[in-house]
Amino acid sequence: MNVIHIAETVKGGVATVINNLTENNEIDSHVICPESQSKEIYCAQKTLFSRTGRNISSLSSLFLVIIKTLKYNKFDVIHLHSSFAGFIVRALFAFKLINKKKYKVIYTPHCFSFIMDTKKWKKKVYIYIERILAKQTDCIIANSYYEYKCAVDAGISKNKIKVVYNAVSLDGQEKLERIKKCNENEVQKEKINILFVGRFDKQKGYDYLLNVIKVADVSKYTFNIIGDSVHDVFEKIEKENVV
C-alpha cells in the first residue's frame, strides 16, 4: 500500500503523528511538508515546498507540489493533515482537477478551524467549507470525543468521523523516563512545579498560561515551558520562576 501524507505545517503534534504513522515498514509512505521543517519528519521519501508563512506564495508552492506529486506518482491513500492541506487537496477533487476515484482520502484536522476562538462569521464560513469538503473525504479523524461532537454538531456526517486518540510510542516513553530521571535533582521540591508542553498558540491555551504566570506567587510556583511557535510570533515572558 502506498500512502502520502500532506501537511502545510508539521511543527509540534502533526510531526509526531506523521512520524508514528510512517514507521510501519509494510506501508510505502511519502510525505509532503515544508522545506524549513523537513528535519521534523523522519520519513525517507519526502517532497518539499517553500514556506515562509501562511501567505499566497507559500500556499501556491504547496498547491503546485501537490499537483506534480500526485500526477507523477501512484498512491492508494492520501492522508491530509490540518485545515490548509485539507482544503487545497479536497478543493482539487471538488473542482475535478484531480480524480478522486483513484484514492481513499483521510483527513485529520488536528482540531477543526471552527473550534478555534474566532469571530462568529468566520466560524460559519469554516463550518460551511468543512461540510462541503467532507463529501470529498472517505474518513475524518477526530483526536478526541469533543472534536467528534463539535464536528457532528456542525453538520458533518457522523458516519464519516472516527475518533482516534493520539498516542506516544514506547520509544518516546522510554526517552521521557530517562529525561525525568536526569531532571529529578533540578525540581524545586519546596515549590509547586507546573509543566506546559505544547505549541505557543492561543489554540493551545498559551495565552491563559501567560496570564497565570503574571499573577502567580514567585515563591510558590515554578513553570517549565516546552514547545515552539508555528508562526515564530509569540509573547515571551522572563521571570525567575520560568524555565
C-alpha atoms as a PDB file:
ATOM      1  CA  MET A   1       0.000   0.000   0.000  1.00  0.00           C
ATOM      2  CA  ASN A   2       1.275   3.461  -0.927  1.00  0.00           C
ATOM      3  CA  VAL A   3       0.270   6.321   1.373  1.00  0.00           C
ATOM      4  CA  ILE A   4       1.076  10.004   1.019  1.00  0.00           C
ATOM      5  CA  HIS A   5       0.815  12.395   3.955  1.00  0.00           C
ATOM      6  CA  ILE A   6       0.327  16.065   3.077  1.00  0.00           C
ATOM      7  CA  ALA A   7       0.798  18.885   5.586  1.00  0.00           C
ATOM      8  CA  GLU A   8       1.084  22.663   5.242  1.00  0.00           C
ATOM      9  CA  THR A   9       2.996  22.766   8.533  1.00  0.00           C
ATOM     10  CA  VAL A  10       4.284  19.935  10.722  1.00  0.00           C
ATOM     11  CA  LYS A  11       5.667  21.655  13.809  1.00  0.00           C
ATOM     12  CA  GLY A  12       4.608  20.025  17.040  1.00  0.00           C
ATOM     13  CA  GLY A  13       1.984  17.313  17.222  1.00  0.00           C
ATOM     14  CA  VAL A  14       1.477  16.927  13.468  1.00  0.00           C
ATOM     15  CA  ALA A  15       5.086  15.805  13.012  1.00  0.00           C
ATOM     16  CA  THR A  16       4.742  13.318  15.879  1.00  0.00           C
ATOM     17  CA  VAL A  17       1.612  11.790  14.348  1.00  0.00           C
ATOM     18  CA  ILE A  18       3.142  11.554  10.863  1.00  0.00           C
ATOM     19  CA  ASN A  19       6.357  10.009  12.209  1.00  0.00           C
ATOM     20  CA  ASN A  20       4.385   7.407  14.159  1.00  0.00           C
ATOM     21  CA  LEU A  21       2.298   6.534  11.102  1.00  0.00           C
ATOM     22  CA  THR A  22       5.249   6.279   8.706  1.00  0.00           C
ATOM     23  CA  GLU A  23       7.201   3.893  10.966  1.00  0.00           C
ATOM     24  CA  ASN A  24       5.223   0.941   9.587  1.00  0.00           C
ATOM     25  CA  ASN A  25       7.585  -0.789   7.157  1.00  0.00           C
ATOM     26  CA  GLU A  26       4.712  -2.654   5.500  1.00  0.00           C
ATOM     27  CA  ILE A  27       3.395   0.627   4.110  1.00  0.00           C
ATOM     28  CA  ASP A  28       5.252   2.658   1.488  1.00  0.00           C
ATOM     29  CA  SER A  29       4.998   6.173   2.908  1.00  0.00           C
ATOM     30  CA  HIS A  30       5.649   9.548   1.304  1.00  0.00           C
ATOM     31  CA  VAL A  31       5.361  12.995   2.919  1.00  0.00           C
ATOM     32  CA  ILE A  32       4.827  16.473   1.503  1.00  0.00           C
ATOM     33  CA  CYS A  33       5.959  19.082   4.026  1.00  0.00           C
ATOM     34  CA  PRO A  34       7.686  22.490   4.249  1.00  0.00           C
ATOM     35  CA  GLU A  35      11.382  22.547   3.419  1.00  0.00           C
ATOM     36  CA  SER A  36      12.040  24.661   6.518  1.00  0.00           C
ATOM     37  CA  GLN A  37      10.514  21.946   8.731  1.00  0.00           C
ATOM     38  CA  SER A  38      11.775  18.854   6.913  1.00  0.00           C
ATOM     39  CA  LYS A  39      14.047  17.826   9.801  1.00  0.00           C
ATOM     40  CA  GLU A  40      10.927  17.245  11.899  1.00  0.00           C
ATOM     41  CA  ILE A  41       9.910  14.383   9.568  1.00  0.00           C
ATOM     42  CA  TYR A  42      11.891  11.135   9.632  1.00  0.00           C
ATOM     43  CA  CYS A  43      10.331   9.508   6.569  1.00  0.00           C
ATOM     44  CA  ALA A  44      12.932   8.935   3.833  1.00  0.00           C
ATOM     45  CA  GLN A  45      10.582   9.793   0.971  1.00  0.00           C
ATOM     46  CA  LYS A  46       9.812  13.485   1.205  1.00  0.00           C
ATOM     47  CA  THR A  47       8.748  16.137  -1.277  1.00  0.00           C
ATOM     48  CA  LEU A  48       9.380  19.643  -0.004  1.00  0.00           C
ATOM     49  CA  PHE A  49       7.828  23.006  -0.777  1.00  0.00           C
ATOM     50  CA  SER A  50       8.867  26.541   0.063  1.00  0.00           C
ATOM     51  CA  ARG A  51       7.036  28.004   3.060  1.00  0.00           C
ATOM     52  CA  THR A  52       7.647  31.460   4.504  1.00  0.00           C
ATOM     53  CA  GLY A  53       4.360  31.658   6.395  1.00  0.00           C
ATOM     54  CA  ARG A  54       0.658  31.395   5.688  1.00  0.00           C
ATOM     55  CA  ASN A  55       0.688  33.558   2.596  1.00  0.00           C
ATOM     56  CA  ILE A  56      -0.206  33.298  -1.085  1.00  0.00           C
ATOM     57  CA  SER A  57       3.350  32.448  -2.123  1.00  0.00           C
ATOM     58  CA  SER A  58       3.655  29.518   0.294  1.00  0.00           C
ATOM     59  CA  LEU A  59       0.186  28.131  -0.443  1.00  0.00           C
ATOM     60  CA  SER A  60       0.852  28.417  -4.194  1.00  0.00           C
ATOM     61  CA  SER A  61       4.084  26.479  -3.727  1.00  0.00           C
ATOM     62  CA  LEU A  62       2.218  23.759  -1.819  1.00  0.00           C
ATOM     63  CA  PHE A  63      -0.522  23.691  -4.469  1.00  0.00           C
ATOM     64  CA  LEU A  64       1.960  23.152  -7.324  1.00  0.00           C
ATOM     65  CA  VAL A  65       3.920  20.487  -5.431  1.00  0.00           C
ATOM     66  CA  ILE A  66       0.712  18.562  -4.689  1.00  0.00           C
ATOM     67  CA  ILE A  67      -0.386  18.656  -8.341  1.00  0.00           C
ATOM     68  CA  LYS A  68       3.013  17.488  -9.586  1.00  0.00           C
ATOM     69  CA  THR A  69       3.477  14.779  -6.947  1.00  0.00           C
ATOM     70  CA  LEU A  70       0.043  13.234  -7.476  1.00  0.00           C
ATOM     71  CA  LYS A  71       0.446  13.397 -11.252  1.00  0.00           C
ATOM     72  CA  TYR A  72       3.745  11.514 -11.420  1.00  0.00           C
ATOM     73  CA  ASN A  73       3.298   9.058  -8.541  1.00  0.00           C
ATOM     74  CA  LYS A  74       0.774   6.361  -7.706  1.00  0.00           C
ATOM     75  CA  PHE A  75      -0.793   6.379  -4.251  1.00  0.00           C
ATOM     76  CA  ASP A  76      -3.597   4.338  -2.750  1.00  0.00           C
ATOM     77  CA  VAL A  77      -4.311   6.626   0.202  1.00  0.00           C
ATOM     78  CA  ILE A  78      -3.991  10.380   0.675  1.00  0.00           C
ATOM     79  CA  HIS A  79      -3.803  11.438   4.330  1.00  0.00           C
ATOM     80  CA  LEU A  80      -4.356  15.170   4.787  1.00  0.00           C
ATOM     81  CA  HIS A  81      -3.158  16.871   7.954  1.00  0.00           C
ATOM     82  CA  SER A  82      -4.686  20.140   9.238  1.00  0.00           C
ATOM     83  CA  SER A  83      -7.064  22.564   7.575  1.00  0.00           C
ATOM     84  CA  PHE A  84      -4.944  24.135   4.823  1.00  0.00           C
ATOM     85  CA  ALA A  85      -3.790  20.849   3.281  1.00  0.00           C
ATOM     86  CA  GLY A  86      -7.309  19.525   3.794  1.00  0.00           C
ATOM     87  CA  PHE A  87      -8.789  22.477   1.942  1.00  0.00           C
ATOM     88  CA  ILE A  88      -6.369  22.535  -1.011  1.00  0.00           C
ATOM     89  CA  VAL A  89      -6.489  18.834  -1.898  1.00  0.00           C
ATOM     90  CA  ARG A  90     -10.219  18.352  -1.372  1.00  0.00           C
ATOM     91  CA  ALA A  91     -10.917  21.524  -3.365  1.00  0.00           C
ATOM     92  CA  LEU A  92      -8.911  19.985  -6.219  1.00  0.00           C
ATOM     93  CA  PHE A  93     -11.222  16.972  -6.041  1.00  0.00           C
ATOM     94  CA  ALA A  94     -14.339  19.151  -5.871  1.00  0.00           C
ATOM     95  CA  PHE A  95     -13.340  21.107  -8.982  1.00  0.00           C
ATOM     96  CA  LYS A  96     -12.382  17.876 -10.797  1.00  0.00           C
ATOM     97  CA  LEU A  97      -8.745  18.925 -11.177  1.00  0.00           C
ATOM     98  CA  ILE A  98      -7.746  15.576  -9.652  1.00  0.00           C
ATOM     99  CA  ASN A  99      -9.710  12.349  -9.997  1.00  0.00           C
ATOM    100  CA  LYS A 100     -10.952  11.491  -6.503  1.00  0.00           C
ATOM    101  CA  LYS A 101     -11.872   7.933  -7.528  1.00  0.00           C
ATOM    102  CA  LYS A 102      -8.194   6.984  -7.644  1.00  0.00           C
ATOM    103  CA  TYR A 103      -7.726   7.442  -3.914  1.00  0.00           C
ATOM    104  CA  LYS A 104      -9.039   6.810  -0.447  1.00  0.00           C
ATOM    105  CA  VAL A 105      -8.883  10.140   1.361  1.00  0.00           C
ATOM    106  CA  ILE A 106      -8.283  10.512   5.100  1.00  0.00           C
ATOM    107  CA  TYR A 107      -8.437  13.927   6.728  1.00  0.00           C
ATOM    108  CA  THR A 108      -7.075  14.674  10.202  1.00  0.00           C
ATOM    109  CA  PRO A 109      -7.788  18.331  11.034  1.00  0.00           C
ATOM    110  CA  HIS A 110      -5.790  18.240  14.288  1.00  0.00           C
ATOM    111  CA  CYS A 111      -8.599  20.441  15.661  1.00  0.00           C
ATOM    112  CA  PHE A 112     -11.146  21.938  13.278  1.00  0.00           C
ATOM    113  CA  SER A 113     -10.756  25.628  12.430  1.00  0.00           C
ATOM    114  CA  PHE A 114     -14.291  26.353  13.603  1.00  0.00           C
ATOM    115  CA  ILE A 115     -13.411  25.186  17.136  1.00  0.00           C
ATOM    116  CA  MET A 116     -10.869  27.972  17.489  1.00  0.00           C
ATOM    117  CA  ASP A 117     -11.640  31.167  19.358  1.00  0.00           C
ATOM    118  CA  THR A 118     -12.524  33.426  16.433  1.00  0.00           C
ATOM    119  CA  LYS A 119     -15.319  35.644  15.127  1.00  0.00           C
ATOM    120  CA  LYS A 120     -18.754  34.072  14.613  1.00  0.00           C
ATOM    121  CA  TRP A 121     -18.889  34.838  10.894  1.00  0.00           C
ATOM    122  CA  LYS A 122     -15.517  33.134  10.410  1.00  0.00           C
ATOM    123  CA  LYS A 123     -16.744  30.062  12.279  1.00  0.00           C
ATOM    124  CA  LYS A 124     -19.787  29.897   9.991  1.00  0.00           C
ATOM    125  CA  VAL A 125     -17.543  30.092   6.924  1.00  0.00           C
ATOM    126  CA  TYR A 126     -15.239  27.362   8.270  1.00  0.00           C
ATOM    127  CA  ILE A 127     -18.214  25.120   9.078  1.00  0.00           C
ATOM    128  CA  TYR A 128     -19.688  25.612   5.604  1.00  0.00           C
ATOM    129  CA  ILE A 129     -16.365  24.759   3.934  1.00  0.00           C
ATOM    130  CA  GLU A 130     -15.825  21.665   6.094  1.00  0.00           C
ATOM    131  CA  ARG A 131     -19.352  20.401   5.395  1.00  0.00           C
ATOM    132  CA  ILE A 132     -18.908  20.824   1.635  1.00  0.00           C
ATOM    133  CA  LEU A 133     -15.445  19.256   1.527  1.00  0.00           C
ATOM    134  CA  ALA A 134     -16.485  16.342   3.744  1.00  0.00           C
ATOM    135  CA  LYS A 135     -18.124  14.954   0.595  1.00  0.00           C
ATOM    136  CA  GLN A 136     -14.622  14.561  -0.865  1.00  0.00           C
ATOM    137  CA  THR A 137     -13.410  12.615   2.179  1.00  0.00           C
ATOM    138  CA  ASP A 138     -13.666   8.914   2.978  1.00  0.00           C
ATOM    139  CA  CYS A 139     -12.743   9.246   6.642  1.00  0.00           C
ATOM    140  CA  ILE A 140     -12.259  12.162   9.028  1.00  0.00           C
ATOM    141  CA  ILE A 141     -10.108  11.518  12.093  1.00  0.00           C
ATOM    142  CA  ALA A 142     -11.075  13.313  15.302  1.00  0.00           C
ATOM    143  CA  ASN A 143      -8.415  13.182  18.022  1.00  0.00           C
ATOM    144  CA  SER A 144     -10.946  13.432  20.847  1.00  0.00           C
ATOM    145  CA  TYR A 145     -14.616  12.848  21.553  1.00  0.00           C
ATOM    146  CA  TYR A 146     -15.000  16.616  21.991  1.00  0.00           C
ATOM    147  CA  GLU A 147     -13.712  17.218  18.447  1.00  0.00           C
ATOM    148  CA  TYR A 148     -16.045  14.480  17.179  1.00  0.00           C
ATOM    149  CA  LYS A 149     -19.034  16.090  18.908  1.00  0.00           C
ATOM    150  CA  CYS A 150     -18.147  19.551  17.533  1.00  0.00           C
ATOM    151  CA  ALA A 151     -17.978  18.122  14.008  1.00  0.00           C
ATOM    152  CA  VAL A 152     -21.336  16.345  14.320  1.00  0.00           C
ATOM    153  CA  ASP A 153     -22.927  19.476  15.816  1.00  0.00           C
ATOM    154  CA  ALA A 154     -21.563  21.421  12.829  1.00  0.00           C
ATOM    155  CA  GLY A 155     -23.456  19.140  10.456  1.00  0.00           C
ATOM    156  CA  ILE A 156     -20.688  16.795   9.328  1.00  0.00           C
ATOM    157  CA  SER A 157     -21.934  13.226   8.907  1.00  0.00           C
ATOM    158  CA  LYS A 158     -21.012  11.125  11.937  1.00  0.00           C
ATOM    159  CA  ASN A 159     -20.635   8.133   9.619  1.00  0.00           C
ATOM    160  CA  LYS A 160     -17.502   9.736   8.181  1.00  0.00           C
ATOM    161  CA  ILE A 161     -15.869  10.537  11.512  1.00  0.00           C
ATOM    162  CA  LYS A 162     -13.736   8.177  13.572  1.00  0.00           C
ATOM    163  CA  VAL A 163     -12.209   9.004  16.954  1.00  0.00           C
ATOM    164  CA  VAL A 164      -8.525   8.065  17.120  1.00  0.00           C
ATOM    165  CA  TYR A 165      -6.692   9.314  20.187  1.00  0.00           C
ATOM    166  CA  ASN A 166      -3.112  10.498  19.807  1.00  0.00           C
ATOM    167  CA  ALA A 167      -0.560   8.067  21.205  1.00  0.00           C
ATOM    168  CA  VAL A 168       3.031   8.109  22.397  1.00  0.00           C
ATOM    169  CA  SER A 169       5.359   5.417  21.066  1.00  0.00           C
ATOM    170  CA  LEU A 170       7.134   3.150  23.562  1.00  0.00           C
ATOM    171  CA  ASP A 171      10.488   4.512  22.414  1.00  0.00           C
ATOM    172  CA  GLY A 172       9.264   8.013  23.158  1.00  0.00           C
ATOM    173  CA  GLN A 173       8.041   6.944  26.594  1.00  0.00           C
ATOM    174  CA  GLU A 174      11.424   5.441  27.423  1.00  0.00           C
ATOM    175  CA  LYS A 175      13.115   8.705  26.459  1.00  0.00           C
ATOM    176  CA  LEU A 176      10.730  10.624  28.690  1.00  0.00           C
ATOM    177  CA  GLU A 177      11.578   8.353  31.623  1.00  0.00           C
ATOM    178  CA  ARG A 178      15.297   8.949  31.093  1.00  0.00           C
ATOM    179  CA  ILE A 179      14.753  12.703  30.918  1.00  0.00           C
ATOM    180  CA  LYS A 180      12.666  12.542  34.081  1.00  0.00           C
ATOM    181  CA  LYS A 181      15.460  10.799  35.978  1.00  0.00           C
ATOM    182  CA  CYS A 182      18.009  13.344  34.758  1.00  0.00           C
ATOM    183  CA  ASN A 183      15.856  16.246  35.891  1.00  0.00           C
ATOM    184  CA  GLU A 184      14.774  14.901  39.279  1.00  0.00           C
ATOM    185  CA  ASN A 185      17.557  16.759  41.045  1.00  0.00           C
ATOM    186  CA  GLU A 186      16.584  20.034  39.328  1.00  0.00           C
ATOM    187  CA  VAL A 187      12.986  20.039  40.566  1.00  0.00           C
ATOM    188  CA  GLN A 188      12.436  22.576  43.316  1.00  0.00           C
ATOM    189  CA  LYS A 189      10.624  20.391  45.833  1.00  0.00           C
ATOM    190  CA  GLU A 190       9.711  23.303  48.064  1.00  0.00           C
ATOM    191  CA  LYS A 191       7.590  24.751  45.235  1.00  0.00           C
ATOM    192  CA  ILE A 192       4.687  23.572  43.093  1.00  0.00           C
ATOM    193  CA  ASN A 193       6.196  22.727  39.690  1.00  0.00           C
ATOM    194  CA  ILE A 194       3.959  23.281  36.664  1.00  0.00           C
ATOM    195  CA  LEU A 195       4.875  21.861  33.239  1.00  0.00           C
ATOM    196  CA  PHE A 196       3.463  23.141  29.922  1.00  0.00           C
ATOM    197  CA  VAL A 197       4.215  21.135  26.777  1.00  0.00           C
ATOM    198  CA  GLY A 198       2.647  22.371  23.560  1.00  0.00           C
ATOM    199  CA  ARG A 199       2.562  24.876  20.746  1.00  0.00           C
ATOM    200  CA  PHE A 200       2.887  28.520  21.784  1.00  0.00           C
ATOM    201  CA  ASP A 201      -0.518  29.378  20.427  1.00  0.00           C
ATOM    202  CA  LYS A 202      -3.835  30.671  21.712  1.00  0.00           C
ATOM    203  CA  GLN A 203      -5.433  27.449  20.487  1.00  0.00           C
ATOM    204  CA  LYS A 204      -3.304  25.514  22.981  1.00  0.00           C
ATOM    205  CA  GLY A 205      -4.056  27.850  25.872  1.00  0.00           C
ATOM    206  CA  TYR A 206      -0.695  29.639  25.806  1.00  0.00           C
ATOM    207  CA  ASP A 207      -2.417  32.977  26.485  1.00  0.00           C
ATOM    208  CA  TYR A 208      -4.019  31.558  29.650  1.00  0.00           C
ATOM    209  CA  LEU A 209      -0.640  30.241  30.766  1.00  0.00           C
ATOM    210  CA  LEU A 210       0.942  33.691  30.420  1.00  0.00           C
ATOM    211  CA  ASN A 211      -1.849  35.276  32.436  1.00  0.00           C
ATOM    212  CA  VAL A 212      -1.392  32.717  35.223  1.00  0.00           C
ATOM    213  CA  ILE A 213       2.380  33.237  35.298  1.00  0.00           C
ATOM    214  CA  LYS A 214       1.969  37.000  35.610  1.00  0.00           C
ATOM    215  CA  VAL A 215      -0.138  36.733  38.778  1.00  0.00           C
ATOM    216  CA  ALA A 216       1.339  33.576  40.352  1.00  0.00           C
ATOM    217  CA  ASP A 217       3.399  33.891  43.523  1.00  0.00           C
ATOM    218  CA  VAL A 218       7.059  33.529  42.511  1.00  0.00           C
ATOM    219  CA  SER A 219       7.926  31.969  45.862  1.00  0.00           C
ATOM    220  CA  LYS A 220       5.352  29.184  45.481  1.00  0.00           C
ATOM    221  CA  TYR A 221       5.311  28.212  41.784  1.00  0.00           C
ATOM    222  CA  THR A 222       7.851  27.265  39.111  1.00  0.00           C
ATOM    223  CA  PHE A 223       6.824  26.993  35.458  1.00  0.00           C
ATOM    224  CA  ASN A 224       8.653  24.751  32.980  1.00  0.00           C
ATOM    225  CA  ILE A 225       7.655  25.607  29.411  1.00  0.00           C
ATOM    226  CA  ILE A 226       8.489  23.331  26.476  1.00  0.00           C
ATOM    227  CA  GLY A 227       7.376  23.961  22.894  1.00  0.00           C
ATOM    228  CA  ASP A 228       7.625  26.176  19.850  1.00  0.00           C
ATOM    229  CA  SER A 229       5.554  28.511  17.704  1.00  0.00           C
ATOM    230  CA  VAL A 230       4.445  27.754  14.149  1.00  0.00           C
ATOM    231  CA  HIS A 231       4.478  31.423  13.173  1.00  0.00           C
ATOM    232  CA  ASP A 232       7.542  32.403  15.244  1.00  0.00           C
ATOM    233  CA  VAL A 233       5.469  35.260  16.660  1.00  0.00           C
ATOM    234  CA  PHE A 234       4.583  34.802  20.309  1.00  0.00           C
ATOM    235  CA  GLU A 235       4.874  36.634  23.603  1.00  0.00           C
ATOM    236  CA  LYS A 236       7.892  35.664  25.653  1.00  0.00           C
ATOM    237  CA  ILE A 237       7.954  36.063  29.396  1.00  0.00           C
ATOM    238  CA  GLU A 238      11.069  36.326  31.536  1.00  0.00           C
ATOM    239  CA  LYS A 239      10.657  35.699  35.255  1.00  0.00           C
ATOM    240  CA  GLU A 240      12.847  33.981  37.798  1.00  0.00           C
ATOM    241  CA  ASN A 241      10.302  31.177  38.218  1.00  0.00           C
ATOM    242  CA  VAL A 242      10.005  30.419  34.476  1.00  0.00           C
ATOM    243  CA  VAL A 243      12.279  27.854  32.823  1.00  0.00           C
END
